[in-house]
Amino acid sequence: MDEEIHYIVEDAAEVVYENLGRLMQIKFPVADIIKILDLEFEYQKLVGVASEKKSISNYPVTLDTEEITAFVLRKCKDIGIVIREDELEEIFEKEFIYLEMIGLIDDEDGLPHLN
């Protein structure tokens, strides 16, 4: 029986933080990274990709990266997090490290591990 994969935002934020450069770490404490990742999840729920009840969604998943970036940037502004698009993209890139660590995506093609 396959073990269910759980995304834990606090763990993801720690991995993101640890893999950011020092200047990004100074600008974005773990608490802000958690908020940013929560906004990403909010977008995923809004478009029906993720839900509170399911730990992972059906594959393949296609997200409009421009749309999610615009959504998160707008929401960050609303809650007082000052972030540029390139900084947000770096946070999303570092999140992939966590997704690979927990086995949610394959590091080569972005698909879930099947073994």
PDB file of N, CA and C in Angstrom:
ATOM      1  N   MET A   1       0.837  -1.177   0.000  1.00  0.00           N
ATOM      2  CA  MET A   1       0.000   0.000   0.000  1.00  0.00           C
ATOM      3  C   MET A   1       0.886   1.247   0.000  1.00  0.00           C
ATOM      4  N   ASP A   2       0.594   2.167  -0.908  1.00  0.00           N
ATOM      5  CA  ASP A   2       1.370   3.397  -0.999  1.00  0.00           C
ATOM      6  C   ASP A   2       1.046   4.315   0.164  1.00  0.00           C
ATOM      7  N   GLU A   3       2.087   4.942   0.681  1.00  0.00           N
ATOM      8  CA  GLU A   3       1.902   5.907   1.751  1.00  0.00           C
ATOM      9  C   GLU A   3       1.422   7.219   1.146  1.00  0.00           C
ATOM     10  N   GLU A   4       0.437   7.832   1.775  1.00  0.00           N
ATOM     11  CA  GLU A   4      -0.093   9.096   1.289  1.00  0.00           C
ATOM     12  C   GLU A   4       0.929  10.204   1.534  1.00  0.00           C
ATOM     13  N   ILE A   5       1.083  11.063   0.556  1.00  0.00           N
ATOM     14  CA  ILE A   5       2.037  12.166   0.647  1.00  0.00           C
ATOM     15  C   ILE A   5       1.321  13.387   1.205  1.00  0.00           C
ATOM     16  N   HIS A   6       1.937  14.013   2.195  1.00  0.00           N
ATOM     17  CA  HIS A   6       1.351  15.206   2.805  1.00  0.00           C
ATOM     18  C   HIS A   6       2.287  16.388   2.633  1.00  0.00           C
ATOM     19  N   TYR A   7       1.733  17.466   2.125  1.00  0.00           N
ATOM     20  CA  TYR A   7       2.454  18.727   1.998  1.00  0.00           C
ATOM     21  C   TYR A   7       2.226  19.496   3.293  1.00  0.00           C
ATOM     22  N   ILE A   8       3.302  19.820   3.983  1.00  0.00           N
ATOM     23  CA  ILE A   8       3.209  20.570   5.236  1.00  0.00           C
ATOM     24  C   ILE A   8       3.867  21.925   4.993  1.00  0.00           C
ATOM     25  N   VAL A   9       3.050  22.962   4.990  1.00  0.00           N
ATOM     26  CA  VAL A   9       3.525  24.283   4.585  1.00  0.00           C
ATOM     27  C   VAL A   9       4.683  24.774   5.450  1.00  0.00           C
ATOM     28  N   GLU A  10       4.656  24.480   6.733  1.00  0.00           N
ATOM     29  CA  GLU A  10       5.753  24.920   7.605  1.00  0.00           C
ATOM     30  C   GLU A  10       7.070  24.249   7.207  1.00  0.00           C
ATOM     31  N   ASP A  11       6.997  22.968   6.876  1.00  0.00           N
ATOM     32  CA  ASP A  11       8.198  22.254   6.426  1.00  0.00           C
ATOM     33  C   ASP A  11       8.675  22.798   5.082  1.00  0.00           C
ATOM     34  N   ALA A  12       7.723  23.043   4.191  1.00  0.00           N
ATOM     35  CA  ALA A  12       8.070  23.594   2.878  1.00  0.00           C
ATOM     36  C   ALA A  12       8.753  24.948   3.037  1.00  0.00           C
ATOM     37  N   ALA A  13       8.215  25.784   3.909  1.00  0.00           N
ATOM     38  CA  ALA A  13       8.782  27.116   4.122  1.00  0.00           C
ATOM     39  C   ALA A  13      10.200  27.032   4.677  1.00  0.00           C
ATOM     40  N   GLU A  14      10.442  26.087   5.572  1.00  0.00           N
ATOM     41  CA  GLU A  14      11.794  25.906   6.125  1.00  0.00           C
ATOM     42  C   GLU A  14      12.781  25.513   5.026  1.00  0.00           C
ATOM     43  N   VAL A  15      12.367  24.596   4.155  1.00  0.00           N
ATOM     44  CA  VAL A  15      13.238  24.164   3.058  1.00  0.00           C
ATOM     45  C   VAL A  15      13.492  25.326   2.101  1.00  0.00           C
ATOM     46  N   VAL A  16      12.443  26.065   1.781  1.00  0.00           N
ATOM     47  CA  VAL A  16      12.603  27.236   0.911  1.00  0.00           C
ATOM     48  C   VAL A  16      13.608  28.194   1.532  1.00  0.00           C
ATOM     49  N   TYR A  17      13.393  28.531   2.796  1.00  0.00           N
ATOM     50  CA  TYR A  17      14.253  29.486   3.495  1.00  0.00           C
ATOM     51  C   TYR A  17      15.712  29.030   3.493  1.00  0.00           C
ATOM     52  N   GLU A  18      15.930  27.764   3.810  1.00  0.00           N
ATOM     53  CA  GLU A  18      17.294  27.230   3.874  1.00  0.00           C
ATOM     54  C   GLU A  18      18.006  27.270   2.527  1.00  0.00           C
ATOM     55  N   ASN A  19      17.250  27.265   1.440  1.00  0.00           N
ATOM     56  CA  ASN A  19      17.844  27.232   0.112  1.00  0.00           C
ATOM     57  C   ASN A  19      17.891  28.593  -0.576  1.00  0.00           C
ATOM     58  N   LEU A  20      17.405  29.619   0.097  1.00  0.00           N
ATOM     59  CA  LEU A  20      17.488  30.974  -0.439  1.00  0.00           C
ATOM     60  C   LEU A  20      18.855  31.568  -0.124  1.00  0.00           C
ATOM     61  N   GLY A  21      19.248  32.542  -0.917  1.00  0.00           N
ATOM     62  CA  GLY A  21      20.464  33.284  -0.624  1.00  0.00           C
ATOM     63  C   GLY A  21      20.270  34.138   0.622  1.00  0.00           C
ATOM     64  N   ARG A  22      21.355  34.598   1.186  1.00  0.00           N
ATOM     65  CA  ARG A  22      21.312  35.343   2.451  1.00  0.00           C
ATOM     66  C   ARG A  22      20.438  36.595   2.372  1.00  0.00           C
ATOM     67  N   LEU A  23      20.529  37.350   1.286  1.00  0.00           N
ATOM     68  CA  LEU A  23      19.718  38.570   1.171  1.00  0.00           C
ATOM     69  C   LEU A  23      18.225  38.247   1.138  1.00  0.00           C
ATOM     70  N   MET A  24      17.877  37.175   0.443  1.00  0.00           N
ATOM     71  CA  MET A  24      16.470  36.754   0.411  1.00  0.00           C
ATOM     72  C   MET A  24      16.033  36.281   1.795  1.00  0.00           C
ATOM     73  N   GLN A  25      16.915  35.613   2.520  1.00  0.00           N
ATOM     74  CA  GLN A  25      16.579  35.165   3.873  1.00  0.00           C
ATOM     75  C   GLN A  25      16.319  36.354   4.795  1.00  0.00           C
ATOM     76  N   ILE A  26      17.100  37.404   4.620  1.00  0.00           N
ATOM     77  CA  ILE A  26      16.901  38.604   5.438  1.00  0.00           C
ATOM     78  C   ILE A  26      15.566  39.260   5.101  1.00  0.00           C
ATOM     79  N   LYS A  27      15.257  39.324   3.822  1.00  0.00           N
ATOM     80  CA  LYS A  27      14.030  39.999   3.385  1.00  0.00           C
ATOM     81  C   LYS A  27      12.773  39.184   3.687  1.00  0.00           C
ATOM     82  N   PHE A  28      12.882  37.850   3.604  1.00  0.00           N
ATOM     83  CA  PHE A  28      11.707  36.993   3.754  1.00  0.00           C
ATOM     84  C   PHE A  28      11.913  35.971   4.869  1.00  0.00           C
ATOM     85  N   PRO A  29      11.479  36.299   6.082  1.00  0.00           N
ATOM     86  CA  PRO A  29      11.559  35.321   7.164  1.00  0.00           C
ATOM     87  C   PRO A  29      10.606  34.151   6.879  1.00  0.00           C
ATOM     88  N   VAL A  30      10.792  33.080   7.601  1.00  0.00           N
ATOM     89  CA  VAL A  30       9.976  31.880   7.399  1.00  0.00           C
ATOM     90  C   VAL A  30       8.482  32.205   7.486  1.00  0.00           C
ATOM     91  N   ALA A  31       8.106  33.073   8.404  1.00  0.00           N
ATOM     92  CA  ALA A  31       6.682  33.426   8.556  1.00  0.00           C
ATOM     93  C   ALA A  31       6.111  34.022   7.270  1.00  0.00           C
ATOM     94  N   ASP A  32       6.886  34.857   6.585  1.00  0.00           N
ATOM     95  CA  ASP A  32       6.423  35.431   5.316  1.00  0.00           C
ATOM     96  C   ASP A  32       6.367  34.367   4.225  1.00  0.00           C
ATOM     97  N   ILE A  33       7.327  33.466   4.226  1.00  0.00           N
ATOM     98  CA  ILE A  33       7.327  32.396   3.225  1.00  0.00           C
ATOM     99  C   ILE A  33       6.098  31.512   3.411  1.00  0.00           C
ATOM    100  N   ILE A  34       5.734  31.240   4.654  1.00  0.00           N
ATOM    101  CA  ILE A  34       4.511  30.467   4.918  1.00  0.00           C
ATOM    102  C   ILE A  34       3.307  31.187   4.324  1.00  0.00           C
ATOM    103  N   LYS A  35       3.217  32.487   4.535  1.00  0.00           N
ATOM    104  CA  LYS A  35       2.095  33.261   3.986  1.00  0.00           C
ATOM    105  C   LYS A  35       2.082  33.194   2.461  1.00  0.00           C
ATOM    106  N   ILE A  36       3.250  33.299   1.849  1.00  0.00           N
ATOM    107  CA  ILE A  36       3.350  33.253   0.388  1.00  0.00           C
ATOM    108  C   ILE A  36       2.913  31.886  -0.134  1.00  0.00           C
ATOM    109  N   LEU A  37       3.378  30.826   0.504  1.00  0.00           N
ATOM    110  CA  LEU A  37       2.995  29.479   0.075  1.00  0.00           C
ATOM    111  C   LEU A  37       1.510  29.227   0.325  1.00  0.00           C
ATOM    112  N   ASP A  38       0.974  29.794   1.395  1.00  0.00           N
ATOM    113  CA  ASP A  38      -0.470  29.690   1.641  1.00  0.00           C
ATOM    114  C   ASP A  38      -1.265  30.387   0.539  1.00  0.00           C
ATOM    115  N   LEU A  39      -0.750  31.511   0.053  1.00  0.00           N
ATOM    116  CA  LEU A  39      -1.417  32.211  -1.048  1.00  0.00           C
ATOM    117  C   LEU A  39      -1.377  31.375  -2.325  1.00  0.00           C
ATOM    118  N   GLU A  40      -0.267  30.697  -2.535  1.00  0.00           N
ATOM    119  CA  GLU A  40      -0.170  29.796  -3.687  1.00  0.00           C
ATOM    120  C   GLU A  40      -1.230  28.697  -3.573  1.00  0.00           C
ATOM    121  N   PHE A  41      -1.385  28.134  -2.379  1.00  0.00           N
ATOM    122  CA  PHE A  41      -2.391  27.098  -2.151  1.00  0.00           C
ATOM    123  C   PHE A  41      -3.799  27.666  -2.323  1.00  0.00           C
ATOM    124  N   GLU A  42      -3.996  28.904  -1.873  1.00  0.00           N
ATOM    125  CA  GLU A  42      -5.295  29.563  -2.049  1.00  0.00           C
ATOM    126  C   GLU A  42      -5.648  29.643  -3.534  1.00  0.00           C
ATOM    127  N   TYR A  43      -4.666  29.997  -4.350  1.00  0.00           N
ATOM    128  CA  TYR A  43      -4.892  30.046  -5.799  1.00  0.00           C
ATOM    129  C   TYR A  43      -5.244  28.657  -6.329  1.00  0.00           C
ATOM    130  N   GLN A  44      -4.510  27.648  -5.885  1.00  0.00           N
ATOM    131  CA  GLN A  44      -4.763  26.283  -6.352  1.00  0.00           C
ATOM    132  C   GLN A  44      -6.167  25.824  -5.974  1.00  0.00           C
ATOM    133  N   LYS A  45      -6.624  26.196  -4.785  1.00  0.00           N
ATOM    134  CA  LYS A  45      -7.996  25.859  -4.385  1.00  0.00           C
ATOM    135  C   LYS A  45      -9.000  26.611  -5.248  1.00  0.00           C
ATOM    136  N   LEU A  46      -8.705  27.866  -5.531  1.00  0.00           N
ATOM    137  CA  LEU A  46      -9.593  28.712  -6.322  1.00  0.00           C
ATOM    138  C   LEU A  46      -9.835  28.133  -7.715  1.00  0.00           C
ATOM    139  N   VAL A  47      -8.788  27.573  -8.313  1.00  0.00           N
ATOM    140  CA  VAL A  47      -8.920  27.020  -9.665  1.00  0.00           C
ATOM    141  C   VAL A  47      -9.226  25.526  -9.659  1.00  0.00           C
ATOM    142  N   GLY A  48      -9.391  24.951  -8.467  1.00  0.00           N
ATOM    143  CA  GLY A  48      -9.807  23.560  -8.369  1.00  0.00           C
ATOM    144  C   GLY A  48      -8.705  22.527  -8.473  1.00  0.00           C
ATOM    145  N   VAL A  49      -7.459  22.944  -8.320  1.00  0.00           N
ATOM    146  CA  VAL A  49      -6.341  22.005  -8.404  1.00  0.00           C
ATOM    147  C   VAL A  49      -6.110  21.312  -7.068  1.00  0.00           C
ATOM    148  N   ALA A  50      -6.328  22.025  -5.983  1.00  0.00           N
ATOM    149  CA  ALA A  50      -6.077  21.472  -4.650  1.00  0.00           C
ATOM    150  C   ALA A  50      -7.295  21.712  -3.770  1.00  0.00           C
ATOM    151  N   SER A  51      -7.372  20.910  -2.719  1.00  0.00           N
ATOM    152  CA  SER A  51      -8.436  21.103  -1.739  1.00  0.00           C
ATOM    153  C   SER A  51      -7.913  20.711  -0.374  1.00  0.00           C
ATOM    154  N   GLU A  52      -8.633  21.101   0.643  1.00  0.00           N
ATOM    155  CA  GLU A  52      -8.248  20.746   2.012  1.00  0.00           C
ATOM    156  C   GLU A  52      -8.406  19.249   2.244  1.00  0.00           C
ATOM    157  N   LYS A  53      -9.324  18.617   1.525  1.00  0.00           N
ATOM    158  CA  LYS A  53      -9.645  17.217   1.780  1.00  0.00           C
ATOM    159  C   LYS A  53      -8.678  16.253   1.116  1.00  0.00           C
ATOM    160  N   LYS A  54      -8.114  16.635  -0.022  1.00  0.00           N
ATOM    161  CA  LYS A  54      -7.190  15.758  -0.729  1.00  0.00           C
ATOM    162  C   LYS A  54      -5.775  16.274  -0.535  1.00  0.00           C
ATOM    163  N   SER A  55      -4.852  15.372  -0.249  1.00  0.00           N
ATOM    164  CA  SER A  55      -3.479  15.819  -0.034  1.00  0.00           C
ATOM    165  C   SER A  55      -2.767  16.107  -1.348  1.00  0.00           C
ATOM    166  N   ILE A  56      -3.137  15.398  -2.407  1.00  0.00           N
ATOM    167  CA  ILE A  56      -2.578  15.687  -3.724  1.00  0.00           C
ATOM    168  C   ILE A  56      -3.698  15.600  -4.742  1.00  0.00           C
ATOM    169  N   SER A  57      -3.493  16.208  -5.884  1.00  0.00           N
ATOM    170  CA  SER A  57      -4.533  16.225  -6.903  1.00  0.00           C
ATOM    171  C   SER A  57      -4.237  15.186  -7.972  1.00  0.00           C
ATOM    172  N   ASN A  58      -5.173  15.043  -8.886  1.00  0.00           N
ATOM    173  CA  ASN A  58      -4.973  14.135 -10.006  1.00  0.00           C
ATOM    174  C   ASN A  58      -3.925  14.709 -10.949  1.00  0.00           C
ATOM    175  N   TYR A  59      -3.219  13.838 -11.631  1.00  0.00           N
ATOM    176  CA  TYR A  59      -2.166  14.259 -12.542  1.00  0.00           C
ATOM    177  C   TYR A  59      -2.576  13.962 -13.955  1.00  0.00           C
ATOM    178  N   PRO A  60      -2.045  14.651 -14.940  1.00  0.00           N
ATOM    179  CA  PRO A  60      -1.124  15.783 -14.800  1.00  0.00           C
ATOM    180  C   PRO A  60      -1.865  17.058 -14.426  1.00  0.00           C
ATOM    181  N   VAL A  61      -1.157  17.945 -13.765  1.00  0.00           N
ATOM    182  CA  VAL A  61      -1.706  19.234 -13.353  1.00  0.00           C
ATOM    183  C   VAL A  61      -1.021  20.313 -14.173  1.00  0.00           C
ATOM    184  N   THR A  62      -1.815  21.178 -14.765  1.00  0.00           N
ATOM    185  CA  THR A  62      -1.265  22.293 -15.520  1.00  0.00           C
ATOM    186  C   THR A  62      -1.734  23.583 -14.865  1.00  0.00           C
ATOM    187  N   LEU A  63      -0.778  24.404 -14.482  1.00  0.00           N
ATOM    188  CA  LEU A  63      -1.101  25.694 -13.882  1.00  0.00           C
ATOM    189  C   LEU A  63      -0.568  26.804 -14.773  1.00  0.00           C
ATOM    190  N   ASP A  64      -1.315  27.875 -14.860  1.00  0.00           N
ATOM    191  CA  ASP A  64      -0.881  29.053 -15.592  1.00  0.00           C
ATOM    192  C   ASP A  64       0.068  29.826 -14.678  1.00  0.00           C
ATOM    193  N   THR A  65       1.366  29.724 -14.951  1.00  0.00           N
ATOM    194  CA  THR A  65       2.349  30.336 -14.050  1.00  0.00           C
ATOM    195  C   THR A  65       2.223  31.855 -14.000  1.00  0.00           C
ATOM    196  N   GLU A  66       1.865  32.469 -15.111  1.00  0.00           N
ATOM    197  CA  GLU A  66       1.680  33.923 -15.099  1.00  0.00           C
ATOM    198  C   GLU A  66       0.497  34.304 -14.220  1.00  0.00           C
ATOM    199  N   GLU A  67      -0.563  33.518 -14.307  1.00  0.00           N
ATOM    200  CA  GLU A  67      -1.764  33.805 -13.524  1.00  0.00           C
ATOM    201  C   GLU A  67      -1.521  33.603 -12.029  1.00  0.00           C
ATOM    202  N   ILE A  68      -0.859  32.508 -11.677  1.00  0.00           N
ATOM    203  CA  ILE A  68      -0.594  32.256 -10.258  1.00  0.00           C
ATOM    204  C   ILE A  68       0.361  33.307  -9.698  1.00  0.00           C
ATOM    205  N   THR A  69       1.352  33.701 -10.492  1.00  0.00           N
ATOM    206  CA  THR A  69       2.297  34.727 -10.051  1.00  0.00           C
ATOM    207  C   THR A  69       1.572  36.048  -9.818  1.00  0.00           C
ATOM    208  N   ALA A  70       0.726  36.436 -10.756  1.00  0.00           N
ATOM    209  CA  ALA A  70      -0.027  37.688 -10.611  1.00  0.00           C
ATOM    210  C   ALA A  70      -0.939  37.637  -9.387  1.00  0.00           C
ATOM    211  N   PHE A  71      -1.594  36.504  -9.180  1.00  0.00           N
ATOM    212  CA  PHE A  71      -2.484  36.334  -8.031  1.00  0.00           C
ATOM    213  C   PHE A  71      -1.715  36.498  -6.723  1.00  0.00           C
ATOM    214  N   VAL A  72      -0.597  35.784  -6.603  1.00  0.00           N
ATOM    215  CA  VAL A  72       0.175  35.822  -5.357  1.00  0.00           C
ATOM    216  C   VAL A  72       0.788  37.203  -5.141  1.00  0.00           C
ATOM    217  N   LEU A  73       1.292  37.823  -6.195  1.00  0.00           N
ATOM    218  CA  LEU A  73       1.848  39.176  -6.054  1.00  0.00           C
ATOM    219  C   LEU A  73       0.787  40.156  -5.555  1.00  0.00           C
ATOM    220  N   ARG A  74      -0.401  40.068  -6.126  1.00  0.00           N
ATOM    221  CA  ARG A  74      -1.500  40.958  -5.725  1.00  0.00           C
ATOM    222  C   ARG A  74      -1.881  40.720  -4.259  1.00  0.00           C
ATOM    223  N   LYS A  75      -1.991  39.455  -3.882  1.00  0.00           N
ATOM    224  CA  LYS A  75      -2.365  39.123  -2.505  1.00  0.00           C
ATOM    225  C   LYS A  75      -1.263  39.512  -1.516  1.00  0.00           C
ATOM    226  N   CYS A  76      -0.005  39.347  -1.920  1.00  0.00           N
ATOM    227  CA  CYS A  76       1.108  39.764  -1.057  1.00  0.00           C
ATOM    228  C   CYS A  76       1.020  41.261  -0.782  1.00  0.00           C
ATOM    229  N   LYS A  77       0.744  42.016  -1.817  1.00  0.00           N
ATOM    230  CA  LYS A  77       0.606  43.468  -1.655  1.00  0.00           C
ATOM    231  C   LYS A  77      -0.518  43.779  -0.669  1.00  0.00           C
ATOM    232  N   ASP A  78      -1.625  43.041  -0.790  1.00  0.00           N
ATOM    233  CA  ASP A  78      -2.775  43.257   0.097  1.00  0.00           C
ATOM    234  C   ASP A  78      -2.435  43.014   1.571  1.00  0.00           C
ATOM    235  N   ILE A  79      -1.526  42.060   1.828  1.00  0.00           N
ATOM    236  CA  ILE A  79      -1.199  41.737   3.225  1.00  0.00           C
ATOM    237  C   ILE A  79       0.115  42.368   3.689  1.00  0.00           C
ATOM    238  N   GLY A  80       0.691  43.220   2.841  1.00  0.00           N
ATOM    239  CA  GLY A  80       1.864  43.978   3.256  1.00  0.00           C
ATOM    240  C   GLY A  80       3.206  43.311   3.033  1.00  0.00           C
ATOM    241  N   ILE A  81       3.250  42.267   2.215  1.00  0.00           N
ATOM    242  CA  ILE A  81       4.534  41.649   1.874  1.00  0.00           C
ATOM    243  C   ILE A  81       5.013  42.272   0.571  1.00  0.00           C
ATOM    244  N   VAL A  82       6.143  42.952   0.635  1.00  0.00           N
ATOM    245  CA  VAL A  82       6.713  43.594  -0.548  1.00  0.00           C
ATOM    246  C   VAL A  82       7.627  42.580  -1.223  1.00  0.00           C
ATOM    247  N   ILE A  83       7.246  42.188  -2.430  1.00  0.00           N
ATOM    248  CA  ILE A  83       7.993  41.157  -3.148  1.00  0.00           C
ATOM    249  C   ILE A  83       7.929  41.443  -4.640  1.00  0.00           C
ATOM    250  N   ARG A  84       9.066  41.256  -5.292  1.00  0.00           N
ATOM    251  CA  ARG A  84       9.125  41.411  -6.747  1.00  0.00           C
ATOM    252  C   ARG A  84       8.815  40.070  -7.409  1.00  0.00           C
ATOM    253  N   GLU A  85       8.488  40.129  -8.679  1.00  0.00           N
ATOM    254  CA  GLU A  85       8.161  38.911  -9.419  1.00  0.00           C
ATOM    255  C   GLU A  85       9.325  37.921  -9.421  1.00  0.00           C
ATOM    256  N   ASP A  86      10.549  38.408  -9.623  1.00  0.00           N
ATOM    257  CA  ASP A  86      11.698  37.503  -9.653  1.00  0.00           C
ATOM    258  C   ASP A  86      11.940  36.857  -8.288  1.00  0.00           C
ATOM    259  N   GLU A  87      11.646  37.573  -7.217  1.00  0.00           N
ATOM    260  CA  GLU A  87      11.795  37.005  -5.876  1.00  0.00           C
ATOM    261  C   GLU A  87      10.750  35.917  -5.632  1.00  0.00           C
ATOM    262  N   LEU A  88       9.533  36.174  -6.079  1.00  0.00           N
ATOM    263  CA  LEU A  88       8.471  35.179  -5.939  1.00  0.00           C
ATOM    264  C   LEU A  88       8.808  33.923  -6.737  1.00  0.00           C
ATOM    265  N   GLU A  89       9.303  34.114  -7.944  1.00  0.00           N
ATOM    266  CA  GLU A  89       9.678  32.965  -8.771  1.00  0.00           C
ATOM    267  C   GLU A  89      10.782  32.151  -8.103  1.00  0.00           C
ATOM    268  N   GLU A  90      11.711  32.827  -7.436  1.00  0.00           N
ATOM    269  CA  GLU A  90      12.772  32.107  -6.729  1.00  0.00           C
ATOM    270  C   GLU A  90      12.198  31.284  -5.572  1.00  0.00           C
ATOM    271  N   ILE A  91      11.244  31.851  -4.860  1.00  0.00           N
ATOM    272  CA  ILE A  91      10.598  31.107  -3.768  1.00  0.00           C
ATOM    273  C   ILE A  91       9.881  29.885  -4.327  1.00  0.00           C
ATOM    274  N   PHE A  92       9.157  30.052  -5.427  1.00  0.00           N
ATOM    275  CA  PHE A  92       8.483  28.910  -6.050  1.00  0.00           C
ATOM    276  C   PHE A  92       9.500  27.855  -6.503  1.00  0.00           C
ATOM    277  N   GLU A  93      10.618  28.299  -7.064  1.00  0.00           N
ATOM    278  CA  GLU A  93      11.661  27.355  -7.494  1.00  0.00           C
ATOM    279  C   GLU A  93      12.199  26.558  -6.311  1.00  0.00           C
ATOM    280  N   LYS A  94      12.430  27.236  -5.199  1.00  0.00           N
ATOM    281  CA  LYS A  94      12.958  26.552  -4.015  1.00  0.00           C
ATOM    282  C   LYS A  94      11.916  25.610  -3.416  1.00  0.00           C
ATOM    283  N   GLU A  95      10.643  25.917  -3.619  1.00  0.00           N
ATOM    284  CA  GLU A  95       9.594  25.021  -3.137  1.00  0.00           C
ATOM    285  C   GLU A  95       9.682  23.662  -3.833  1.00  0.00           C
ATOM    286  N   PHE A  96      10.152  23.656  -5.078  1.00  0.00           N
ATOM    287  CA  PHE A  96      10.296  22.394  -5.806  1.00  0.00           C
ATOM    288  C   PHE A  96      11.254  21.445  -5.093  1.00  0.00           C
ATOM    289  N   ILE A  97      12.236  21.990  -4.395  1.00  0.00           N
ATOM    290  CA  ILE A  97      13.161  21.145  -3.628  1.00  0.00           C
ATOM    291  C   ILE A  97      12.370  20.346  -2.595  1.00  0.00           C
ATOM    292  N   TYR A  98      11.467  21.027  -1.904  1.00  0.00           N
ATOM    293  CA  TYR A  98      10.630  20.351  -0.909  1.00  0.00           C
ATOM    294  C   TYR A  98       9.715  19.328  -1.576  1.00  0.00           C
ATOM    295  N   LEU A  99       9.095  19.707  -2.682  1.00  0.00           N
ATOM    296  CA  LEU A  99       8.185  18.793  -3.378  1.00  0.00           C
ATOM    297  C   LEU A  99       8.912  17.525  -3.819  1.00  0.00           C
ATOM    298  N   GLU A 100      10.148  17.676  -4.260  1.00  0.00           N
ATOM    299  CA  GLU A 100      10.958  16.506  -4.624  1.00  0.00           C
ATOM    300  C   GLU A 100      11.303  15.682  -3.389  1.00  0.00           C
ATOM    301  N   MET A 101      11.642  16.365  -2.289  1.00  0.00           N
ATOM    302  CA  MET A 101      12.020  15.674  -1.053  1.00  0.00           C
ATOM    303  C   MET A 101      10.907  14.769  -0.536  1.00  0.00           C
ATOM    304  N   ILE A 102       9.673  15.235  -0.616  1.00  0.00           N
ATOM    305  CA  ILE A 102       8.562  14.448  -0.081  1.00  0.00           C
ATOM    306  C   ILE A 102       7.998  13.471  -1.109  1.00  0.00           C
ATOM    307  N   GLY A 103       8.551  13.501  -2.325  1.00  0.00           N
ATOM    308  CA  GLY A 103       8.116  12.562  -3.348  1.00  0.00           C
ATOM    309  C   GLY A 103       6.867  12.972  -4.085  1.00  0.00           C
ATOM    310  N   LEU A 104       6.519  14.233  -4.006  1.00  0.00           N
ATOM    311  CA  LEU A 104       5.313  14.696  -4.684  1.00  0.00           C
ATOM    312  C   LEU A 104       5.543  14.908  -6.170  1.00  0.00           C
ATOM    313  N   ILE A 105       6.769  15.272  -6.539  1.00  0.00           N
ATOM    314  CA  ILE A 105       7.089  15.415  -7.957  1.00  0.00           C
ATOM    315  C   ILE A 105       8.395  14.706  -8.257  1.00  0.00           C
ATOM    316  N   ASP A 106       8.549  14.374  -9.504  1.00  0.00           N
ATOM    317  CA  ASP A 106       9.776  13.776 -10.001  1.00  0.00           C
ATOM    318  C   ASP A 106      10.672  14.916 -10.447  1.00  0.00           C
ATOM    319  N   ASP A 107      11.941  14.854 -10.109  1.00  0.00           N
ATOM    320  CA  ASP A 107      12.834  15.970 -10.419  1.00  0.00           C
ATOM    321  C   ASP A 107      13.106  16.147 -11.906  1.00  0.00           C
ATOM    322  N   GLU A 108      12.781  15.162 -12.724  1.00  0.00           N
ATOM    323  CA  GLU A 108      13.047  15.292 -14.152  1.00  0.00           C
ATOM    324  C   GLU A 108      11.879  15.877 -14.928  1.00  0.00           C
ATOM    325  N   ASP A 109      10.671  15.393 -14.653  1.00  0.00           N
ATOM    326  CA  ASP A 109       9.553  15.839 -15.475  1.00  0.00           C
ATOM    327  C   ASP A 109       8.402  16.441 -14.684  1.00  0.00           C
ATOM    328  N   GLY A 110       8.576  16.604 -13.380  1.00  0.00           N
ATOM    329  CA  GLY A 110       7.539  17.230 -12.582  1.00  0.00           C
ATOM    330  C   GLY A 110       6.350  16.342 -12.289  1.00  0.00           C
ATOM    331  N   LEU A 111       6.443  15.064 -12.623  1.00  0.00           N
ATOM    332  CA  LEU A 111       5.346  14.140 -12.362  1.00  0.00           C
ATOM    333  C   LEU A 111       5.587  13.413 -11.047  1.00  0.00           C
ATOM    334  N   PRO A 112       4.547  12.860 -10.463  1.00  0.00           N
ATOM    335  CA  PRO A 112       4.733  12.166  -9.184  1.00  0.00           C
ATOM    336  C   PRO A 112       5.581  10.916  -9.353  1.00  0.00           C
ATOM    337  N   HIS A 113       6.326  10.603  -8.310  1.00  0.00           N
ATOM    338  CA  HIS A 113       7.073   9.345  -8.320  1.00  0.00           C
ATOM    339  C   HIS A 113       6.081   8.196  -8.293  1.00  0.00           C
ATOM    340  N   LEU A 114       6.338   7.198  -9.080  1.00  0.00           N
ATOM    341  CA  LEU A 114       5.421   6.065  -9.145  1.00  0.00           C
ATOM    342  C   LEU A 114       5.965   4.837  -8.444  1.00  0.00           C
ATOM    343  N   ASN A 115       7.192   4.898  -7.951  1.00  0.00           N
ATOM    344  CA  ASN A 115       7.750   3.719  -7.282  1.00  0.00           C
ATOM    345  C   ASN A 115       7.740   3.871  -5.789  1.00  0.00           C
TER     346      ASN A 115
END
